[in-house]
Amino acid sequence: MTPSTKTPEPDRPGVAHAEHGLREEIEKVDAVATAPETTFESFAHLDEKRILRKMDIRLIPMLAVLYLLSFLDRGNIGNAKIEGLQEDLGMTPDEYNWCLTAFFFTYAAFEVPSNLLLKKLRPSRWLPCIMIAWGTVMTLMGLVVVAVIAFFMLHDFPETATFLTEEERAFVVFRLKYQGQVQAKEQKRAQVAQAEEFEWKYVWDAFKDWQIWVNIFVYWGVVCPLYGISLFLPTIIRNLGYSSSKAQLMTVPIYITAAILAVFFAYISDRLGKRSPFVVSFLLIMIVGFSMCISTSNPRVVYAGVFVAACAIYPAFPGVITWLANNLAGSYKRSAGMAIQIGVGNLGGAMASNFYRQKDAPRYILGHALELAFIGAGVVAAAILIVAYAAINKKRDRALQEGGQDRYTAEELSAKGDRAVTFRYIY
């Protein structure tokens, strides 16, 4: 045997084989979805609502439970405080606030790399692993059993969703790849799929994208009140003169109502294909709620104010995230862009954790005023986005009429993502 001859390696069953099969399945479905002859009409015989319903049933419950546990773990410190946490640990009010603040620095720092790893390593692997790590870091305060279940139940990508037929998977991929492309539905010009191959330029594009940074101010207008409410609501209610136990119970109807409204308005927003009217309306309702809190010391009015504010905050939160996601094209730019939005945006939580100081009790005028300031900035930022999106869409409409698309190849338009002349912003 000559030195250049290599003994062929035997097939290695197991993880490597499974990963190879996964890649093959993704490539096969992508090939069908992006074939030149594939159009919306190719899937006209499929029941779109049935497909989306199947996806909702298989994905949303598990993801909702994971998010519930995540938010419960970070938010219940507000409930623990009024039951004596601060006194038991011998902490001053300022030290307690700084403990709340410290959480958000690493949250912001790791959001972008975490989102990129989510795409690279598969959601069913990455999400359960970081949840198990979170439980381990907390010195096994309680094993996050759901993480083990999620490892087997979560579906990673539409191409590998076993509960869909191959044709249904191709349809879902088609919808995602041509999201925001007006001509794909009109069928007047060549279709332009969103770029899916990882390149660092897409991450850099996200950092340079003006809309992400403007959207962060809208996000702050929602997330500062959100963390202010979630971390300090029990304290605010107790300082109105109620016992700790009653204050805990009085938070329940607020969150139940807010949860119902969040689901309802998410459904309406999707049906109408609109984001900004809902986001702006909720911001204005928040202003009403916090204005009620700041204007009086009457416990009933203050409770009504935080009730109104919370019922606007929680429906607005998914709306502002989805708004940006709809306006970023290319899965890696979208992953990076949303990570920037959530990472930098959650620095608002670091700020909000210091809004409600013990020395400002019981009215917390400074805290409510700061919430109003951030909400006002969010309204202004939302208005800027709406005006800019409308102007850009009109400009691209004119460019298409003048043959602007013909100046680029399909690959160049794909690489441009949401900056392509064929892309339309949602507002």
Foldseek 3Di string as FASTA:
>chain_A
DDPVDDDDDDDDDDDVVVVVVVVVLLVVLQCVLPPQVDAPVVCVPPDVVVLVVVVCVQAVVLVVVLVVVVCCVLQCLLLVVLVCPCVVVVHDLVRVLVVQLVVQQVLLVCLQVLLVVCLVVFVLPSSLVVQQVVCVVVVVPDGPVSSVVSNPRHDGALSPPPVDDSVSSSVVQNCQQQQQQVCRNVVPDGGFGADADDDVVLLVVLVVDPLLVLLLLLLLLQVLLVLLCSNHQLVQLVLLPDRSVVSVVLCVVLVVLLVVLLVVVVVVCVVVLAQLVLSLVLLVQLLVLLCQLQVDSNSVSVSVSSSSNSSSSSNNNVSSLVQVLSLFTYSSSSSSSSSNSSSVSCSSSSVSSPQQTPVCPNSSNSSSVVSNVSSVSSNVSSVVVVVVLVVLLVVLVVCVVVVVLVVDDSVVQNHCTSNHSSGHRHD
